[in-house]
N, C-alpha and C. Protein backbone atom coordinates (compact mmCIF):
# COMPACT_ATOMS: atom_id res chain seq x y z
N MET A 1 159.10 124.75 117.51
CA MET A 1 158.43 125.06 118.77
C MET A 1 159.35 124.67 119.92
N GLU A 2 159.51 125.55 120.85
CA GLU A 2 160.38 125.31 122.00
C GLU A 2 159.59 124.61 123.11
N THR A 3 160.15 123.52 123.65
CA THR A 3 159.47 122.82 124.72
C THR A 3 159.87 123.40 126.06
N ASN A 4 158.90 123.57 126.92
CA ASN A 4 159.12 124.15 128.23
C ASN A 4 159.09 123.02 129.26
N ILE A 5 160.15 122.89 130.07
CA ILE A 5 160.26 121.79 131.02
C ILE A 5 159.18 121.88 132.10
N SER A 6 158.83 123.08 132.52
CA SER A 6 157.79 123.20 133.55
C SER A 6 156.42 122.83 133.00
N LEU A 7 156.17 123.10 131.74
CA LEU A 7 154.91 122.69 131.11
C LEU A 7 154.84 121.17 131.03
N ARG A 8 155.93 120.57 130.63
CA ARG A 8 155.98 119.11 130.53
C ARG A 8 155.81 118.47 131.92
N ALA A 9 156.50 118.98 132.92
CA ALA A 9 156.40 118.46 134.28
C ALA A 9 154.98 118.63 134.81
N GLY A 10 154.37 119.76 134.54
CA GLY A 10 153.00 120.01 134.99
C GLY A 10 152.01 119.07 134.33
N THR A 11 152.21 118.81 133.04
CA THR A 11 151.31 117.91 132.33
C THR A 11 151.44 116.49 132.86
N VAL A 12 152.67 116.02 133.05
CA VAL A 12 152.89 114.66 133.54
C VAL A 12 152.37 114.51 134.96
N SER A 13 152.67 115.46 135.83
CA SER A 13 152.21 115.34 137.22
C SER A 13 150.70 115.48 137.31
N GLY A 14 150.11 116.32 136.52
CA GLY A 14 148.64 116.45 136.51
C GLY A 14 147.96 115.18 136.03
N THR A 15 148.52 114.57 134.99
CA THR A 15 147.97 113.30 134.50
C THR A 15 148.09 112.22 135.56
N PHE A 16 149.25 112.14 136.20
CA PHE A 16 149.46 111.15 137.25
C PHE A 16 148.49 111.35 138.41
N LEU A 17 148.33 112.58 138.85
CA LEU A 17 147.45 112.85 139.99
C LEU A 17 145.98 112.65 139.65
N SER A 18 145.61 112.78 138.39
CA SER A 18 144.22 112.54 138.01
C SER A 18 143.93 111.05 137.87
N ILE A 19 144.95 110.25 137.58
CA ILE A 19 144.78 108.80 137.45
C ILE A 19 144.86 108.12 138.82
N LEU A 20 145.63 108.66 139.72
CA LEU A 20 145.91 108.04 141.01
C LEU A 20 144.66 107.66 141.80
N PRO A 21 143.63 108.49 141.93
CA PRO A 21 142.46 108.08 142.71
C PRO A 21 141.66 106.95 142.07
N ASN A 22 141.83 106.74 140.78
CA ASN A 22 141.06 105.71 140.08
C ASN A 22 141.70 104.33 140.15
N ILE A 23 142.93 104.25 140.64
CA ILE A 23 143.61 102.97 140.73
C ILE A 23 143.27 102.34 142.07
N LEU A 24 142.69 101.15 142.03
CA LEU A 24 142.33 100.44 143.25
C LEU A 24 143.48 99.58 143.72
N SER A 25 143.52 99.29 145.00
CA SER A 25 144.60 98.46 145.54
C SER A 25 144.54 97.05 144.98
N GLU A 26 143.34 96.56 144.64
CA GLU A 26 143.22 95.23 144.04
C GLU A 26 143.89 95.20 142.67
N ASP A 27 143.78 96.29 141.94
CA ASP A 27 144.42 96.37 140.63
C ASP A 27 145.94 96.33 140.75
N ILE A 28 146.46 96.99 141.77
CA ILE A 28 147.90 96.99 141.97
C ILE A 28 148.38 95.59 142.33
N ALA A 29 147.66 94.91 143.22
CA ALA A 29 148.03 93.55 143.60
C ALA A 29 147.94 92.61 142.40
N LYS A 30 146.89 92.76 141.61
CA LYS A 30 146.73 91.92 140.42
C LYS A 30 147.86 92.16 139.43
N THR A 31 148.26 93.40 139.25
CA THR A 31 149.35 93.75 138.35
C THR A 31 150.66 93.15 138.82
N ILE A 32 150.93 93.20 140.13
CA ILE A 32 152.16 92.63 140.67
C ILE A 32 152.18 91.12 140.47
N ILE A 33 151.05 90.46 140.73
CA ILE A 33 150.98 89.00 140.57
C ILE A 33 151.18 88.62 139.11
N LEU A 34 150.53 89.34 138.20
CA LEU A 34 150.68 89.04 136.78
C LEU A 34 152.10 89.29 136.29
N ALA A 35 152.76 90.30 136.83
CA ALA A 35 154.15 90.58 136.45
C ALA A 35 155.07 89.45 136.92
N VAL A 36 154.84 88.94 138.13
CA VAL A 36 155.65 87.84 138.63
C VAL A 36 155.42 86.58 137.80
N VAL A 37 154.17 86.28 137.48
CA VAL A 37 153.86 85.10 136.66
C VAL A 37 154.48 85.24 135.27
N GLY A 38 154.38 86.41 134.68
CA GLY A 38 154.95 86.64 133.35
C GLY A 38 156.46 86.52 133.34
N ALA A 39 157.12 87.08 134.35
CA ALA A 39 158.58 86.99 134.43
C ALA A 39 159.03 85.55 134.64
N THR A 40 158.30 84.81 135.48
CA THR A 40 158.65 83.41 135.72
C THR A 40 158.47 82.58 134.45
N ALA A 41 157.37 82.79 133.75
CA ALA A 41 157.14 82.05 132.52
C ALA A 41 158.20 82.38 131.48
N SER A 42 158.55 83.63 131.36
CA SER A 42 159.58 84.03 130.40
C SER A 42 160.92 83.39 130.74
N PHE A 43 161.27 83.37 132.02
CA PHE A 43 162.52 82.76 132.45
C PHE A 43 162.54 81.27 132.15
N MET A 44 161.44 80.59 132.42
CA MET A 44 161.35 79.14 132.17
C MET A 44 161.46 78.83 130.68
N VAL A 45 160.81 79.62 129.85
CA VAL A 45 160.88 79.41 128.41
C VAL A 45 162.31 79.65 127.91
N SER A 46 162.97 80.66 128.46
CA SER A 46 164.36 80.93 128.09
C SER A 46 165.27 79.76 128.45
N LEU A 47 165.07 79.22 129.65
CA LEU A 47 165.86 78.04 130.05
C LEU A 47 165.58 76.85 129.15
N LEU A 48 164.32 76.62 128.82
CA LEU A 48 163.95 75.50 127.96
C LEU A 48 164.58 75.65 126.58
N LEU A 49 164.51 76.84 126.01
CA LEU A 49 165.08 77.07 124.68
C LEU A 49 166.61 76.94 124.71
N LYS A 50 167.23 77.41 125.78
CA LYS A 50 168.67 77.27 125.91
C LYS A 50 169.06 75.80 126.00
N TRP A 51 168.29 75.02 126.76
CA TRP A 51 168.56 73.59 126.90
C TRP A 51 168.35 72.88 125.57
N LEU A 52 167.28 73.22 124.83
CA LEU A 52 167.01 72.59 123.54
C LEU A 52 168.10 72.91 122.52
N THR A 53 168.54 74.15 122.48
CA THR A 53 169.59 74.49 121.50
C THR A 53 170.93 73.89 121.90
N LYS A 54 171.20 73.75 123.17
CA LYS A 54 172.45 73.16 123.63
C LYS A 54 172.51 71.68 123.27
N SER A 55 171.38 70.97 123.50
CA SER A 55 171.37 69.54 123.19
C SER A 55 171.34 69.31 121.69
N LYS A 56 170.81 70.25 120.92
CA LYS A 56 170.77 70.12 119.46
C LYS A 56 172.16 70.31 118.86
N ASN A 57 172.99 71.15 119.46
CA ASN A 57 174.32 71.44 118.94
C ASN A 57 175.32 70.34 119.22
N LYS A 58 175.03 69.44 120.13
CA LYS A 58 175.98 68.37 120.45
C LYS A 58 176.06 67.31 119.40
């Protein structure tokens, strides 16, 4: 089956435009805050693990 780029673009843009009115601004703010918290926690855990493995190798 041959894929048509305009069909794919239409499907993606239609899906996006149908979801857009249902997204509230509070949800966007909550998502941004959760992403920042998750990235910070991941960074801290990475630093902790790096420090633990460095002190263990000495």
